[in-house]
Amino acid sequence: MAVRRAAVAWAVAIIAACGLLALPLVAFAATSPVTIQGSAFNPPTTTVHVGDTVTWTNRDAIGHTSTSDTAKWDSPVLPNGGSFSFTFTVAGTFTYHCSIHTFMKGSIVVQAVTTPAPTPVPTPVPTPVRTNPPTVAPTAPPTTATETPTAAPTSAAPSATASPTVAAAETPTASASASVVAVQVTPVPNPGSGPGPLLLGAAALAVVALGAIAFFLVRRS
């Protein structure tokens, strides 16, 4: 079934193609008349195009023919009022005569069918697109390197509190030493020796204490 449908489709396509090929001949085909009168072909020269037809009609009382010199066509004897037609499918110049009256001569000029040149389609001119100029970023001025003056090294100022600190640190030491000395110097009271050693120890302790106080006051002032 499918093969039959394909064959039918091919046949239809071929017929359509042949019809399209024959369409220009049908559309441009024309018929040009030639009258036989006074023992002459009128007009003697006829110009047609490929696919056109020439029809000869006898207007004389006697019979005539239209016979090609190259045997391309040959009409029967045409009586008065008789006609004969021939279609030209090849371009060229074809001469003919009357086979009964050989002095009667004529010619058919067949021109090739010219295909009209296609009308050129104007090419659209592209509309120029206006583009904005590129934005140029402002250039920053060159940065000048600024020299930073180097500060001169400053000498460390002597600490004003060094001496008092040392004195303060030494003061307890001196007191401690005095106390230690006092402790070491102070003899263990002997109940059987009398008040002499005690007085000497108290006096020595008082002297050391007064000396320490005087030394502290002098240092502080």
Protein backbone atom coordinates (compact mmCIF):
# COMPACT_ATOMS: atom_id res chain seq x y z
CA MET A 1 0.00 0.00 0.00
CA ALA A 2 2.79 2.37 0.91
CA VAL A 3 4.64 1.54 -2.34
CA ARG A 4 1.52 2.29 -4.38
CA ARG A 5 1.09 5.66 -2.66
CA ALA A 6 4.74 6.52 -3.31
CA ALA A 7 4.35 5.62 -7.01
CA VAL A 8 1.22 7.78 -7.31
CA ALA A 9 3.01 10.67 -5.63
CA TRP A 10 5.96 10.36 -8.04
CA ALA A 11 3.62 10.30 -11.05
CA VAL A 12 1.80 13.42 -9.86
CA ALA A 13 5.13 15.18 -9.28
CA ILE A 14 6.37 14.33 -12.79
CA ILE A 15 3.14 15.54 -14.41
CA ALA A 16 3.28 18.77 -12.43
CA ALA A 17 6.92 19.31 -13.45
CA CYS A 18 6.10 18.79 -17.12
CA GLY A 19 3.23 21.21 -16.82
CA LEU A 20 5.47 23.83 -15.27
CA LEU A 21 8.06 23.34 -18.03
CA ALA A 22 5.41 23.73 -20.74
CA LEU A 23 3.79 26.72 -19.06
CA PRO A 24 6.12 29.34 -20.62
CA LEU A 25 5.44 27.92 -24.11
CA VAL A 26 1.71 28.07 -23.54
CA ALA A 27 1.82 31.51 -22.00
CA PHE A 28 4.01 33.08 -24.71
CA ALA A 29 2.78 31.05 -27.72
CA ALA A 30 1.23 33.10 -30.51
CA THR A 31 -0.15 32.53 -33.99
CA SER A 32 1.11 34.58 -36.93
CA PRO A 33 -0.98 34.57 -40.13
CA VAL A 34 0.44 34.46 -43.70
CA THR A 35 -1.91 35.15 -46.55
CA ILE A 36 -1.44 33.53 -50.01
CA GLN A 37 -2.83 35.97 -52.51
CA GLY A 38 -1.82 37.15 -55.99
CA SER A 39 0.52 34.16 -56.24
CA ALA A 40 2.64 35.54 -53.37
CA PHE A 41 3.14 35.02 -49.64
CA ASN A 42 2.14 38.09 -47.64
CA PRO A 43 4.15 39.01 -45.68
CA PRO A 44 7.13 37.42 -47.43
CA THR A 45 9.10 37.33 -44.15
CA THR A 46 7.45 36.55 -40.83
CA THR A 47 9.22 36.86 -37.46
CA VAL A 48 8.04 34.67 -34.59
CA HIS A 49 9.42 33.16 -31.34
CA VAL A 50 10.09 29.60 -30.37
CA GLY A 51 6.76 28.00 -29.60
CA ASP A 52 4.80 30.24 -31.99
CA THR A 53 2.63 28.94 -34.80
CA VAL A 54 2.39 30.19 -38.42
CA THR A 55 -0.86 29.70 -40.31
CA TRP A 56 -1.01 29.97 -44.12
CA THR A 57 -4.41 30.74 -45.71
CA ASN A 58 -5.01 30.63 -49.49
CA ARG A 59 -7.04 33.53 -50.88
CA ASP A 60 -6.43 32.77 -54.56
CA ALA A 61 -8.79 30.90 -56.87
CA ILE A 62 -6.04 28.42 -57.67
CA GLY A 63 -4.33 26.01 -55.29
CA HIS A 64 -0.95 26.60 -53.55
CA THR A 65 1.30 24.87 -51.00
CA SER A 66 3.66 25.90 -48.21
CA THR A 67 6.74 23.70 -48.50
CA SER A 68 9.97 24.05 -46.49
CA ASP A 69 13.21 24.26 -48.47
CA THR A 70 14.75 21.77 -46.02
CA ALA A 71 11.69 19.49 -45.90
CA LYS A 72 10.89 20.59 -42.36
CA TRP A 73 7.19 20.92 -43.25
CA ASP A 74 5.09 20.43 -46.38
CA SER A 75 1.43 21.31 -46.62
CA PRO A 76 -1.09 19.67 -48.94
CA VAL A 77 -2.47 21.68 -51.86
CA LEU A 78 -4.58 24.39 -50.30
CA PRO A 79 -7.72 25.32 -52.20
CA ASN A 80 -9.33 28.69 -51.97
CA GLY A 81 -10.00 29.34 -48.28
CA GLY A 82 -7.87 26.39 -47.18
CA SER A 83 -5.38 26.78 -44.25
CA PHE A 84 -2.28 25.03 -42.93
CA SER A 85 -0.47 25.61 -39.59
CA PHE A 86 2.99 24.69 -38.33
CA THR A 87 4.54 25.30 -34.85
CA PHE A 88 8.21 26.21 -34.65
CA THR A 89 10.12 24.76 -31.69
CA VAL A 90 13.66 25.63 -32.76
CA ALA A 91 15.18 29.05 -33.30
CA GLY A 92 16.56 29.90 -36.75
CA THR A 93 15.62 31.17 -40.22
CA PHE A 94 13.55 28.84 -42.36
CA THR A 95 12.86 29.48 -46.09
CA TYR A 96 9.96 27.93 -47.95
CA HIS A 97 8.20 27.98 -51.36
CA CYS A 98 5.11 26.80 -53.21
CA SER A 99 5.68 23.38 -54.76
CA ILE A 100 3.26 24.19 -57.61
CA HIS A 101 4.59 27.68 -58.35
CA THR A 102 8.29 27.57 -57.44
CA PHE A 103 8.78 31.28 -57.99
CA MET A 104 6.67 31.92 -54.86
CA LYS A 105 9.10 32.15 -51.96
CA GLY A 106 8.99 33.23 -48.30
CA SER A 107 10.90 32.90 -45.00
CA ILE A 108 10.16 32.44 -41.30
CA VAL A 109 12.55 33.92 -38.69
CA VAL A 110 12.22 32.13 -35.33
CA GLN A 111 13.75 33.88 -32.33
CA ALA A 112 14.60 32.29 -29.02
CA VAL A 113 12.41 33.14 -26.07
CA THR A 114 14.23 35.56 -23.81
CA THR A 115 13.65 35.29 -20.08
CA PRO A 116 13.09 38.73 -18.58
CA ALA A 117 15.84 39.72 -16.23
CA PRO A 118 14.75 39.72 -12.62
CA THR A 119 14.14 43.12 -11.15
CA PRO A 120 17.01 43.88 -8.81
CA VAL A 121 15.92 44.24 -5.24
CA PRO A 122 17.29 47.44 -3.77
CA THR A 123 19.65 46.78 -0.94
CA PRO A 124 18.49 48.60 2.18
CA VAL A 125 20.96 51.16 3.36
CA PRO A 126 21.77 50.50 6.99
CA THR A 127 20.85 53.35 9.27
CA PRO A 128 23.95 54.58 11.05
CA VAL A 129 23.71 54.03 14.76
CA ARG A 130 24.89 56.98 16.73
CA THR A 131 27.15 55.93 19.53
CA ASN A 132 28.15 58.14 22.42
CA PRO A 133 31.87 58.91 22.68
CA PRO A 134 33.64 56.85 25.30
CA THR A 135 33.81 58.50 28.70
CA VAL A 136 37.39 59.23 29.66
CA ALA A 137 38.04 58.94 33.37
CA PRO A 138 39.91 61.94 34.82
CA THR A 139 43.50 61.18 35.47
CA ALA A 140 44.55 61.80 39.04
CA PRO A 141 47.57 64.13 39.40
CA PRO A 142 50.78 62.37 40.37
CA THR A 143 51.24 62.14 44.09
CA THR A 144 54.41 63.88 45.28
CA ALA A 145 56.19 61.92 47.91
CA THR A 146 56.54 64.02 51.08
CA GLU A 147 59.64 63.40 53.10
CA THR A 148 58.83 63.01 56.76
CA PRO A 149 61.60 64.46 58.86
CA THR A 150 63.06 61.89 61.11
CA ALA A 151 62.94 62.94 64.69
CA ALA A 152 66.32 63.14 66.37
CA PRO A 153 66.76 60.57 69.06
CA THR A 154 66.02 62.08 72.40
CA SER A 155 68.25 61.32 75.30
CA ALA A 156 66.52 59.71 78.16
CA ALA A 157 66.21 62.23 81.01
CA PRO A 158 67.56 60.98 84.25
CA SER A 159 64.87 59.89 86.56
CA ALA A 160 64.46 62.47 89.31
CA THR A 161 63.03 59.90 91.62
CA ALA A 162 65.98 57.54 91.39
CA SER A 163 67.76 58.88 94.39
CA PRO A 164 64.71 59.12 96.65
CA THR A 165 63.69 55.66 95.52
CA VAL A 166 67.07 54.34 96.39
CA ALA A 167 66.99 56.28 99.63
CA ALA A 168 63.58 54.94 100.39
CA ALA A 169 64.73 51.48 99.57
CA GLU A 170 67.84 51.94 101.61
CA THR A 171 66.03 53.46 104.56
CA PRO A 172 64.31 50.32 105.68
CA THR A 173 67.54 48.46 105.11
CA ALA A 174 69.44 50.89 107.26
CA SER A 175 66.75 50.71 109.90
CA ALA A 176 66.72 47.00 109.61
CA SER A 177 70.47 46.93 109.95
CA ALA A 178 70.31 49.23 112.92
CA SER A 179 67.63 47.12 114.44
CA VAL A 180 69.63 44.01 113.76
CA VAL A 181 72.71 45.66 115.19
CA ALA A 182 70.71 46.84 118.09
CA VAL A 183 69.35 43.42 118.62
CA GLN A 184 72.72 41.90 118.26
CA VAL A 185 74.42 44.51 120.42
CA THR A 186 71.75 44.45 123.02
CA PRO A 187 72.92 41.87 125.54
CA VAL A 188 70.54 39.53 127.09
CA PRO A 189 69.55 41.10 130.39
CA ASN A 190 71.21 39.49 133.24
CA PRO A 191 69.29 39.82 136.36
CA GLY A 192 72.33 39.59 138.52
CA SER A 193 74.44 42.35 136.70
CA GLY A 194 72.56 45.52 137.84
CA PRO A 195 71.18 48.50 135.82
CA GLY A 196 74.40 49.42 133.99
CA PRO A 197 74.12 47.27 130.94
CA LEU A 198 70.44 48.12 130.48
CA LEU A 199 71.11 51.81 130.48
CA LEU A 200 73.92 51.44 128.03
CA GLY A 201 71.74 49.36 125.75
CA ALA A 202 68.87 51.86 125.96
CA ALA A 203 71.24 54.73 125.26
CA ALA A 204 72.76 52.98 122.29
CA LEU A 205 69.31 52.17 120.93
CA ALA A 206 68.23 55.79 121.38
CA VAL A 207 71.34 57.03 119.61
CA VAL A 208 70.76 54.68 116.69
CA ALA A 209 67.10 55.65 116.47
CA LEU A 210 67.89 59.36 116.55
CA GLY A 211 70.58 58.88 113.95
CA ALA A 212 68.19 57.02 111.70
CA ILE A 213 65.53 59.74 112.11
CA ALA A 214 68.06 62.49 111.44
CA PHE A 215 69.34 60.68 108.35
CA PHE A 216 65.79 60.22 107.02
CA LEU A 217 64.97 63.93 107.61
CA VAL A 218 68.15 65.07 105.91
CA ARG A 219 67.51 62.86 102.88
CA ARG A 220 63.92 64.00 102.58
CA SER A 221 64.82 67.68 102.76
